[in-house]
């Protein structure tokens, strides 16, 4: 078993999904996910989305780092967080609001459920 893994999305085929239709508020966002690890409630990899806006409700803990693009995360309380390349964020269970991708956004992530 290898104790490390190189992160490389070039030449690999991502899983492609969309938010549930009832959550989409605008656009037609397409999500591409390159999963690197899925073990014992730990998930990590790369995620990319095309422009659009949808409702989110987190039941898990997530750390991410924006690699490219521009998104806006808005909490149910109205708090607005703009996300640009170089920004990192932790989202804790219970967060509800919206995720809006203004410019196609690529992030690396670690999720603990």
C-alpha atoms as a PDB file:
ATOM      1  CA  UNK A   1       0.000   0.000   0.000  1.00  0.00           C
ATOM      2  CA  UNK A   2       1.350   3.433  -0.949  1.00  0.00           C
ATOM      3  CA  UNK A   3       1.389   5.938   1.889  1.00  0.00           C
ATOM      4  CA  UNK A   4       1.100   8.960  -0.398  1.00  0.00           C
ATOM      5  CA  UNK A   5      -0.851   9.934  -3.491  1.00  0.00           C
ATOM      6  CA  UNK A   6      -0.057  12.532  -6.105  1.00  0.00           C
ATOM      7  CA  UNK A   7      -2.824  15.044  -6.801  1.00  0.00           C
ATOM      8  CA  UNK A   8      -3.267  15.275 -10.565  1.00  0.00           C
ATOM      9  CA  UNK A   9      -6.517  15.807 -12.422  1.00  0.00           C
ATOM     10  CA  UNK A  10      -4.948  15.918 -15.897  1.00  0.00           C
ATOM     11  CA  UNK A  11      -5.917  12.800 -17.821  1.00  0.00           C
ATOM     12  CA  UNK A  12      -8.333  11.532 -15.168  1.00  0.00           C
ATOM     13  CA  UNK A  13     -12.078  11.501 -15.629  1.00  0.00           C
ATOM     14  CA  UNK A  14     -14.040  13.296 -12.890  1.00  0.00           C
ATOM     15  CA  UNK A  15     -17.435  12.369 -11.530  1.00  0.00           C
ATOM     16  CA  UNK A  16     -19.899  14.905 -12.961  1.00  0.00           C
ATOM     17  CA  UNK A  17     -23.030  15.922 -11.044  1.00  0.00           C
ATOM     18  CA  UNK A  18     -25.474  18.789 -10.655  1.00  0.00           C
ATOM     19  CA  UNK A  19     -27.222  20.100  -7.532  1.00  0.00           C
ATOM     20  CA  UNK A  20     -30.726  18.737  -7.006  1.00  0.00           C
ATOM     21  CA  UNK A  21     -33.109  20.779  -9.218  1.00  0.00           C
ATOM     22  CA  UNK A  22     -35.118  22.016  -6.219  1.00  0.00           C
ATOM     23  CA  UNK A  23     -31.940  23.570  -4.731  1.00  0.00           C
ATOM     24  CA  UNK A  24     -30.890  25.487  -7.862  1.00  0.00           C
ATOM     25  CA  UNK A  25     -31.725  29.191  -7.705  1.00  0.00           C
ATOM     26  CA  UNK A  26     -30.049  30.322 -10.936  1.00  0.00           C
ATOM     27  CA  UNK A  27     -27.961  28.992 -13.798  1.00  0.00           C
ATOM     28  CA  UNK A  28     -27.165  25.364 -14.561  1.00  0.00           C
ATOM     29  CA  UNK A  29     -24.130  24.561 -12.397  1.00  0.00           C
ATOM     30  CA  UNK A  30     -22.164  21.448 -13.321  1.00  0.00           C
ATOM     31  CA  UNK A  31     -19.901  19.953 -10.646  1.00  0.00           C
ATOM     32  CA  UNK A  32     -16.802  17.908 -11.477  1.00  0.00           C
ATOM     33  CA  UNK A  33     -15.176  15.963  -8.643  1.00  0.00           C
ATOM     34  CA  UNK A  34     -11.815  14.206  -8.675  1.00  0.00           C
ATOM     35  CA  UNK A  35     -11.970  12.048  -5.508  1.00  0.00           C
ATOM     36  CA  UNK A  36      -8.592  11.163  -4.037  1.00  0.00           C
ATOM     37  CA  UNK A  37      -9.620   9.466  -0.809  1.00  0.00           C
ATOM     38  CA  UNK A  38     -12.846   8.120   0.669  1.00  0.00           C
ATOM     39  CA  UNK A  39     -12.061   6.254   3.879  1.00  0.00           C
ATOM     40  CA  UNK A  40     -13.788   6.017   7.263  1.00  0.00           C
ATOM     41  CA  UNK A  41     -15.772   9.255   6.873  1.00  0.00           C
ATOM     42  CA  UNK A  42     -12.839  11.178   5.393  1.00  0.00           C
ATOM     43  CA  UNK A  43     -13.158  12.520   1.847  1.00  0.00           C
ATOM     44  CA  UNK A  44     -10.678  14.653  -0.073  1.00  0.00           C
ATOM     45  CA  UNK A  45     -10.008  15.679  -3.632  1.00  0.00           C
ATOM     46  CA  UNK A  46     -10.625  18.430  -6.141  1.00  0.00           C
ATOM     47  CA  UNK A  47     -14.013  19.951  -6.953  1.00  0.00           C
ATOM     48  CA  UNK A  48     -14.952  22.337  -9.728  1.00  0.00           C
ATOM     49  CA  UNK A  49     -18.233  24.030 -10.564  1.00  0.00           C
ATOM     50  CA  UNK A  50     -19.471  26.100 -13.456  1.00  0.00           C
ATOM     51  CA  UNK A  51     -21.526  29.255 -12.735  1.00  0.00           C
ATOM     52  CA  UNK A  52     -24.849  29.044 -10.933  1.00  0.00           C
ATOM     53  CA  UNK A  53     -26.388  29.446  -7.494  1.00  0.00           C
ATOM     54  CA  UNK A  54     -27.914  26.791  -5.237  1.00  0.00           C
ATOM     55  CA  UNK A  55     -28.971  26.222  -1.625  1.00  0.00           C
ATOM     56  CA  UNK A  56     -26.575  24.338   0.670  1.00  0.00           C
ATOM     57  CA  UNK A  57     -27.033  22.647   4.042  1.00  0.00           C
ATOM     58  CA  UNK A  58     -23.940  21.103   5.642  1.00  0.00           C
ATOM     59  CA  UNK A  59     -24.119  18.067   7.926  1.00  0.00           C
ATOM     60  CA  UNK A  60     -20.355  17.533   7.710  1.00  0.00           C
ATOM     61  CA  UNK A  61     -17.173  19.492   8.459  1.00  0.00           C
ATOM     62  CA  UNK A  62     -15.261  20.775   5.400  1.00  0.00           C
ATOM     63  CA  UNK A  63     -11.971  22.569   4.847  1.00  0.00           C
ATOM     64  CA  UNK A  64     -11.244  23.890   1.365  1.00  0.00           C
ATOM     65  CA  UNK A  65      -8.773  26.068  -0.509  1.00  0.00           C
ATOM     66  CA  UNK A  66      -9.822  27.950  -3.650  1.00  0.00           C
ATOM     67  CA  UNK A  67      -7.377  27.320  -6.486  1.00  0.00           C
ATOM     68  CA  UNK A  68      -9.101  29.404  -9.149  1.00  0.00           C
ATOM     69  CA  UNK A  69     -12.339  31.241  -9.895  1.00  0.00           C
ATOM     70  CA  UNK A  70     -14.735  33.348  -7.865  1.00  0.00           C
ATOM     71  CA  UNK A  71     -17.642  32.234  -5.675  1.00  0.00           C
ATOM     72  CA  UNK A  72     -19.880  33.795  -3.047  1.00  0.00           C
ATOM     73  CA  UNK A  73     -21.005  31.882   0.032  1.00  0.00           C
ATOM     74  CA  UNK A  74     -23.985  33.450   1.821  1.00  0.00           C
ATOM     75  CA  UNK A  75     -25.206  32.216   5.194  1.00  0.00           C
ATOM     76  CA  UNK A  76     -28.867  32.008   6.160  1.00  0.00           C
ATOM     77  CA  UNK A  77     -28.162  34.974   8.478  1.00  0.00           C
ATOM     78  CA  UNK A  78     -27.111  37.086   5.460  1.00  0.00           C
ATOM     79  CA  UNK A  79     -23.347  36.896   6.085  1.00  0.00           C
ATOM     80  CA  UNK A  80     -21.564  37.115   2.714  1.00  0.00           C
ATOM     81  CA  UNK A  81     -18.128  35.565   2.118  1.00  0.00           C
ATOM     82  CA  UNK A  82     -16.429  36.191  -1.209  1.00  0.00           C
ATOM     83  CA  UNK A  83     -14.066  33.417  -2.271  1.00  0.00           C
ATOM     84  CA  UNK A  84     -11.138  34.030  -4.629  1.00  0.00           C
ATOM     85  CA  UNK A  85      -8.038  32.040  -5.574  1.00  0.00           C
ATOM     86  CA  UNK A  86      -5.859  31.676  -2.481  1.00  0.00           C
ATOM     87  CA  UNK A  87      -8.739  31.802   0.038  1.00  0.00           C
ATOM     88  CA  UNK A  88      -9.274  28.970   2.539  1.00  0.00           C
ATOM     89  CA  UNK A  89     -12.353  28.318   4.636  1.00  0.00           C
ATOM     90  CA  UNK A  90     -13.775  25.872   7.167  1.00  0.00           C
ATOM     91  CA  UNK A  91     -17.506  25.140   7.081  1.00  0.00           C
ATOM     92  CA  UNK A  92     -18.941  23.410  10.121  1.00  0.00           C
ATOM     93  CA  UNK A  93     -21.992  21.153  10.400  1.00  0.00           C
ATOM     94  CA  UNK A  94     -25.217  23.136  10.573  1.00  0.00           C
ATOM     95  CA  UNK A  95     -24.227  25.832   8.068  1.00  0.00           C
ATOM     96  CA  UNK A  96     -27.099  26.696   5.738  1.00  0.00           C
ATOM     97  CA  UNK A  97     -27.240  29.230   2.950  1.00  0.00           C
ATOM     98  CA  UNK A  98     -26.311  29.528  -0.707  1.00  0.00           C
ATOM     99  CA  UNK A  99     -23.240  28.877  -2.826  1.00  0.00           C
ATOM    100  CA  UNK A 100     -22.963  31.032  -5.939  1.00  0.00           C
ATOM    101  CA  UNK A 101     -20.269  30.374  -8.517  1.00  0.00           C
ATOM    102  CA  UNK A 102     -19.708  33.620 -10.402  1.00  0.00           C
ATOM    103  CA  UNK A 103     -16.636  32.380 -12.337  1.00  0.00           C
ATOM    104  CA  UNK A 104     -15.919  28.655 -12.702  1.00  0.00           C
ATOM    105  CA  UNK A 105     -14.341  27.703  -9.383  1.00  0.00           C
ATOM    106  CA  UNK A 106     -11.814  24.966  -8.571  1.00  0.00           C
ATOM    107  CA  UNK A 107     -11.069  24.016  -4.959  1.00  0.00           C
ATOM    108  CA  UNK A 108      -9.274  21.274  -3.119  1.00  0.00           C
ATOM    109  CA  UNK A 109     -11.193  19.950  -0.132  1.00  0.00           C
ATOM    110  CA  UNK A 110     -11.138  17.723   2.918  1.00  0.00           C
ATOM    111  CA  UNK A 111     -14.479  16.613   4.354  1.00  0.00           C
ATOM    112  CA  UNK A 112     -15.026  14.794   7.641  1.00  0.00           C
ATOM    113  CA  UNK A 113     -18.476  13.304   8.163  1.00  0.00           C
END
